[in-house]
Amino acid sequence: MKEEILFFCAPWCRPCKQIKEMLTKSIRDELNLKIIDIAENMEIAANYQVMAVPTFVVLNDDKEVARKSGATTIDDLRNMYNT
């Protein structure tokens, strides 16, 4: 079972910037979190039907199992990861 979190963000988004500042390398590794800039990866964002940023999509074996849009905390991300 391979879980990961996709973090869809944009350079102009203030909450995205704040969340990125909290995401140390150790946290990104712990949560297997991938940061995806929607301005540079519009096709990926469209494939996941991302309509707002920040958006977090939890994948389990490449299938979406959870989603959250809006600002969040590291603890919320950890809870999402363990669904």
Protein backbone atom coordinates (compact mmCIF):
# COMPACT_ATOMS: atom_id res chain seq x y z
CA MET A 1 0.00 0.00 0.00
CA LYS A 2 1.60 3.23 -1.18
CA GLU A 3 0.14 6.45 0.15
CA GLU A 4 1.04 9.97 -0.88
CA ILE A 5 -0.38 13.46 -0.62
CA LEU A 6 -0.50 15.83 -3.58
CA PHE A 7 -0.39 19.49 -2.53
CA PHE A 8 -1.77 21.69 -5.31
CA CYS A 9 -0.67 25.29 -4.88
CA ALA A 10 -0.03 28.53 -6.76
CA PRO A 11 2.69 31.17 -6.37
CA TRP A 12 0.12 33.97 -5.88
CA CYS A 13 -1.76 32.12 -3.10
CA ARG A 14 -0.96 33.43 0.39
CA PRO A 15 -2.23 30.31 2.27
CA CYS A 16 -0.17 28.15 -0.11
CA LYS A 17 2.96 30.14 0.73
CA GLN A 18 2.30 29.82 4.45
CA ILE A 19 1.78 26.06 4.20
CA LYS A 20 4.91 25.62 2.07
CA GLU A 21 6.93 27.38 4.77
CA MET A 22 5.72 24.79 7.32
CA LEU A 23 6.56 21.82 5.09
CA THR A 24 10.11 20.93 5.99
CA LYS A 25 11.83 18.19 4.04
CA SER A 26 11.31 15.77 6.93
CA ILE A 27 7.55 16.44 6.95
CA ARG A 28 7.36 16.10 3.15
CA ASP A 29 9.21 12.78 3.41
CA GLU A 30 7.09 11.56 6.34
CA LEU A 31 3.85 12.24 4.47
CA ASN A 32 5.22 11.37 1.03
CA LEU A 33 3.97 14.81 0.02
CA LYS A 34 4.46 16.14 -3.50
CA ILE A 35 4.10 19.87 -4.16
CA ILE A 36 2.43 20.64 -7.48
CA ASP A 37 2.36 24.23 -8.73
CA ILE A 38 -0.84 24.53 -10.78
CA ALA A 39 0.64 27.33 -12.90
CA GLU A 40 3.34 24.94 -14.11
CA ASN A 41 1.24 21.76 -14.10
CA MET A 42 -2.20 22.72 -15.36
CA GLU A 43 -2.81 19.32 -16.93
CA ILE A 44 -2.19 17.45 -13.65
CA ALA A 45 -4.46 19.90 -11.79
CA ALA A 46 -7.16 19.38 -14.41
CA ASN A 47 -6.81 15.58 -14.16
CA TYR A 48 -7.50 15.82 -10.42
CA GLN A 49 -10.26 18.43 -10.96
CA VAL A 50 -8.57 20.96 -8.69
CA MET A 51 -10.84 24.01 -8.53
CA ALA A 52 -9.18 25.93 -5.68
CA VAL A 53 -5.83 26.24 -3.99
CA PRO A 54 -4.53 25.06 -1.70
CA THR A 55 -5.93 21.58 -2.31
CA PHE A 56 -4.59 18.35 -0.83
CA VAL A 57 -5.37 15.02 -2.46
CA VAL A 58 -4.51 11.80 -0.62
CA LEU A 59 -3.75 8.86 -2.87
CA ASN A 60 -3.57 5.22 -1.87
CA ASP A 61 -2.16 3.01 -4.62
CA ASP A 62 -2.78 5.91 -7.05
CA LYS A 63 -6.50 6.12 -6.13
CA GLU A 64 -7.93 9.18 -4.41
CA VAL A 65 -9.08 8.39 -0.87
CA ALA A 66 -9.39 11.89 0.62
CA ARG A 67 -9.37 15.55 -0.38
CA LYS A 68 -9.25 18.87 1.43
CA SER A 69 -9.26 22.39 0.07
CA GLY A 70 -8.21 25.46 1.99
CA ALA A 71 -5.63 26.22 4.63
CA THR A 72 -4.70 23.37 6.94
CA THR A 73 -2.25 22.32 9.62
CA ILE A 74 0.46 19.69 9.64
CA ASP A 75 -1.59 17.66 12.13
CA ASP A 76 -4.59 17.75 9.76
CA LEU A 77 -2.35 16.47 6.97
CA ARG A 78 -1.07 13.66 9.19
CA ASN A 79 -4.67 12.71 10.03
CA MET A 80 -5.59 12.71 6.31
CA TYR A 81 -2.59 10.57 5.51
CA ASN A 82 -3.68 7.93 8.01
CA THR A 83 -7.23 7.53 6.65
